[in-house]
Protein backbone atom coordinates (compact mmCIF):
# COMPACT_ATOMS: atom_id res chain seq x y z
CA MET A 1 90.03 126.87 85.39
CA PRO A 2 92.01 124.66 86.91
CA HIS A 3 89.70 121.22 87.98
CA ASN A 4 90.96 119.01 90.89
CA PHE A 5 89.42 115.24 90.12
CA PHE A 6 93.23 114.23 88.97
CA ALA A 7 95.55 115.81 91.47
CA THR A 8 92.64 114.81 94.04
CA ILE A 9 92.97 110.56 93.05
CA SER A 10 96.52 111.00 92.89
CA ARG A 11 95.80 110.87 97.15
CA MET A 12 95.09 106.91 96.70
CA LYS A 13 98.64 106.60 97.88
CA TYR A 14 97.66 108.25 100.94
CA ILE A 15 94.65 105.97 102.21
CA GLU A 16 95.33 102.48 103.56
CA ARG A 17 93.80 99.56 103.53
CA TRP A 18 93.32 97.28 106.75
CA ALA A 19 93.11 99.29 109.24
CA LEU A 20 92.14 97.06 112.26
CA MET A 21 94.87 94.67 111.97
CA ARG A 22 99.02 93.83 111.89
CA ASN A 23 100.36 94.42 108.73
CA SER A 24 104.17 93.02 107.47
CA ARG A 25 103.60 95.29 104.91
CA PRO A 26 101.10 97.74 104.30
CA GLU A 27 98.84 98.38 101.04
CA ASN A 28 97.49 101.51 100.01
CA LEU A 29 94.48 102.08 98.19
CA SER A 30 96.13 102.86 95.23
CA GLU A 31 98.15 99.52 94.81
CA HIS A 32 95.59 97.77 95.76
CA SER A 33 93.32 99.66 93.00
CA LEU A 34 95.67 98.07 89.95
CA GLU A 35 95.89 94.81 91.22
CA VAL A 36 91.84 94.71 91.06
CA ALA A 37 92.17 96.52 87.67
CA MET A 38 94.26 93.31 86.37
CA ILE A 39 92.37 90.76 87.69
CA SER A 40 89.25 92.82 86.44
CA HIS A 41 89.87 93.06 83.04
CA ALA A 42 91.50 89.55 83.13
CA LEU A 43 87.85 88.13 84.66
CA CYS A 44 86.23 89.87 81.64
CA VAL A 45 88.54 88.55 79.34
CA ILE A 46 87.99 84.35 80.78
CA GLY A 47 84.49 85.62 80.10
CA ASN A 48 84.48 86.05 76.60
CA VAL A 49 87.42 83.62 75.18
CA ARG A 50 86.04 80.93 77.22
CA TYR A 51 82.02 81.78 78.35
CA GLY A 52 80.89 83.69 75.16
CA LYS A 53 80.18 86.19 76.95
CA HIS A 54 80.64 90.27 75.08
CA LEU A 55 82.06 92.21 78.65
CA ASN A 56 84.18 95.28 77.52
CA ALA A 57 87.25 94.57 79.77
CA GLU A 58 89.28 97.72 78.53
CA LYS A 59 85.66 99.03 80.65
CA ALA A 60 86.16 96.42 83.72
CA ALA A 61 89.79 97.83 84.14
CA LEU A 62 89.10 100.98 84.46
CA CYS A 63 85.75 100.25 86.63
CA GLY A 64 88.40 98.58 88.70
CA LEU A 65 91.03 101.45 89.26
CA TYR A 66 88.42 104.22 90.17
CA HIS A 67 86.55 100.86 92.41
CA ASP A 68 87.49 102.51 95.86
CA ALA A 69 87.61 106.49 95.05
CA SER A 70 85.82 107.04 97.59
CA GLU A 71 87.52 105.82 100.00
CA ILE A 72 89.90 109.30 99.54
CA ILE A 73 86.99 111.32 100.87
CA THR A 74 86.22 108.84 103.48
CA GLY A 75 88.66 106.74 104.26
CA ASP A 76 89.13 103.01 104.42
CA MET A 77 86.50 101.86 106.78
CA PRO A 78 86.64 98.63 108.36
CA THR A 79 84.07 96.02 107.16
CA PRO A 80 82.88 94.71 111.09
CA VAL A 81 81.94 98.32 111.38
CA LYS A 82 80.63 99.00 107.55
CA TYR A 83 78.44 95.74 107.07
CA ALA A 84 77.63 95.58 110.96
CA ASN A 85 73.69 96.04 109.88
CA GLN A 86 71.57 97.17 107.39
CA LYS A 87 70.83 100.19 108.47
CA LEU A 88 75.10 100.95 109.02
CA LYS A 89 75.25 99.55 105.56
CA ALA A 90 72.73 101.67 103.83
CA ALA A 91 74.16 104.95 105.44
CA TYR A 92 77.76 103.56 104.02
CA LYS A 93 75.95 103.21 100.01
CA GLU A 94 74.59 107.06 100.78
CA VAL A 95 78.36 108.91 102.09
CA GLU A 96 79.93 106.13 99.39
CA ALA A 97 77.52 107.66 97.01
CA GLU A 98 77.41 111.40 97.58
CA SER A 99 81.93 110.79 97.88
CA GLU A 100 81.43 109.44 94.03
CA ASN A 101 79.68 112.84 93.01
CA ARG A 102 81.65 115.11 94.66
CA LEU A 103 84.69 113.82 92.86
CA LEU A 104 82.29 113.40 89.66
CA ASP A 105 81.82 117.00 90.42
CA GLU A 106 85.94 118.04 90.00
CA LEU A 107 85.50 117.01 86.34
CA PRO A 108 84.62 119.92 83.40
CA ALA A 109 81.21 119.12 82.38
CA ASP A 110 82.64 118.06 78.90
CA LEU A 111 84.43 115.32 81.02
CA ARG A 112 82.19 114.50 83.22
CA PRO A 113 79.25 111.52 81.53
CA ALA A 114 82.92 109.68 80.66
CA PHE A 115 83.99 109.56 84.22
CA GLU A 116 80.31 108.72 85.53
CA ALA A 117 80.05 105.32 83.00
CA ILE A 118 82.89 104.62 84.77
CA PHE A 119 81.95 105.23 88.24
CA HIS A 120 78.30 104.58 88.10
CA ALA A 121 76.10 101.34 86.28
CA GLU A 122 74.47 101.24 83.27
CA ASP A 123 71.38 99.42 83.10
CA THR A 124 72.92 96.72 80.85
CA GLU A 125 72.83 92.84 81.44
CA GLU A 126 76.40 92.94 80.04
CA ASP A 127 77.57 95.62 82.18
CA ARG A 128 75.72 94.30 85.94
CA TYR A 129 77.84 91.31 85.39
CA MET A 130 81.18 92.91 84.35
CA ARG A 131 80.50 95.20 87.56
CA ARG A 132 80.19 91.76 89.78
CA LEU A 133 83.06 90.37 88.28
CA VAL A 134 84.95 93.39 89.40
CA LYS A 135 83.12 92.87 92.45
CA ALA A 136 84.86 89.02 92.30
CA ALA A 137 88.08 90.99 91.23
CA ASP A 138 87.96 92.84 94.70
CA LYS A 139 87.44 89.91 97.07
CA ILE A 140 90.08 87.77 95.01
CA SER A 141 92.75 90.73 95.54
CA ALA A 142 91.89 90.78 99.54
CA LEU A 143 92.76 86.77 99.21
CA ILE A 144 95.66 87.82 97.90
CA LYS A 145 96.57 90.14 100.69
CA CYS A 146 96.20 87.31 103.65
CA ILE A 147 98.04 84.94 101.24
CA GLU A 148 101.21 87.58 101.14
CA GLU A 149 100.18 88.22 105.23
CA GLU A 150 100.19 84.33 105.85
CA ASN A 151 103.73 83.23 103.80
CA SER A 152 105.73 86.21 105.82
CA GLY A 153 104.75 84.54 108.49
CA ASN A 154 102.34 86.23 109.80
CA ARG A 155 98.82 85.28 111.21
CA GLU A 156 97.51 88.31 111.83
CA PHE A 157 95.55 87.58 108.08
CA ARG A 158 94.08 83.77 108.85
CA THR A 159 90.29 84.48 110.00
CA ALA A 160 89.97 86.82 107.01
CA LYS A 161 92.19 84.66 104.53
CA ALA A 162 89.17 81.88 106.04
CA THR A 163 86.25 84.34 105.18
CA THR A 164 87.32 85.81 102.20
CA ALA A 165 88.37 82.70 100.35
CA GLU A 166 84.42 81.12 101.38
CA SER A 167 83.06 84.66 100.38
CA ILE A 168 84.78 83.58 97.03
CA ARG A 169 83.78 80.34 96.70
CA ARG A 170 80.38 81.08 96.46
CA LEU A 171 80.90 83.91 94.18
CA THR A 172 82.61 81.10 91.87
CA ALA A 173 78.65 79.06 91.03
CA GLU A 174 77.78 82.53 89.20
CA LEU A 175 81.26 83.84 88.13
CA PRO A 176 82.74 80.80 86.63
CA GLU A 177 85.50 83.18 85.24
CA ALA A 178 86.44 83.65 88.71
CA GLY A 179 86.83 80.19 89.29
CA ASP A 180 89.06 80.07 86.86
CA PHE A 181 91.44 82.85 88.11
CA VAL A 182 91.33 81.43 91.64
CA GLU A 183 92.21 77.75 90.62
CA GLU A 184 94.76 78.77 87.44
CA PHE A 185 96.39 81.82 88.67
CA LEU A 186 96.07 82.35 92.30
CA PRO A 187 98.97 79.74 93.29
CA PRO A 188 101.81 81.05 92.32
CA TYR A 189 101.26 83.96 94.59
CA GLY A 190 103.43 84.16 97.82
CA ARG A 191 106.77 82.51 95.57
CA ASN A 192 109.62 84.59 95.53
CA LEU A 193 111.04 85.42 92.25
CA ASP A 194 113.04 83.23 91.62
CA GLU A 195 110.88 80.53 92.15
CA LEU A 196 108.49 81.84 89.73
CA ILE A 197 111.35 82.09 86.58
CA THR A 198 112.29 78.90 87.96
CA GLU A 199 108.57 77.29 87.58
CA SER A 200 108.29 79.41 83.90
CA ALA A 201 111.46 78.32 82.21
CA PRO A 202 111.32 75.85 79.60
């Protein structure tokens, strides 16, 4: 019996982000999710190596990869609408959960538990902390997009850049991994390949 899960997930590449903004280069959900997955993994590695955490970095990468999968069904809801008030925020969370369950229903019954562990948080301190890092990675990815747009001469993202940077700054007080990533890895974003290679050469 055919199952639709992965064919549906493959449609992430058709979901464009930042719909209310003029983009110099469109960003789709698939590429955003890949970036969030890589940053989530990095944040957990930093936490384990530098802060004595015991985080599952590989699971974090998978959570990052699927973190916005519900948008295949809902579309990318603009932030000003999604968080306009508590009622709308709660309603969107409900729609998001229903959409995730619809995706999970497309899996064979024997495989579903493994994917539920990726989509839904487990009741452990480590899992909750790891998922907070995935949310931080999502914010960092958004900031990277703002930086890239600004460097291309597009001033459309200047307000989004400021608000996202402030949001990340507040997160770093409780998530030092995010602070380390922003300090050590964010500055080179926006440089061209020749600059990146020249700087890294011995």
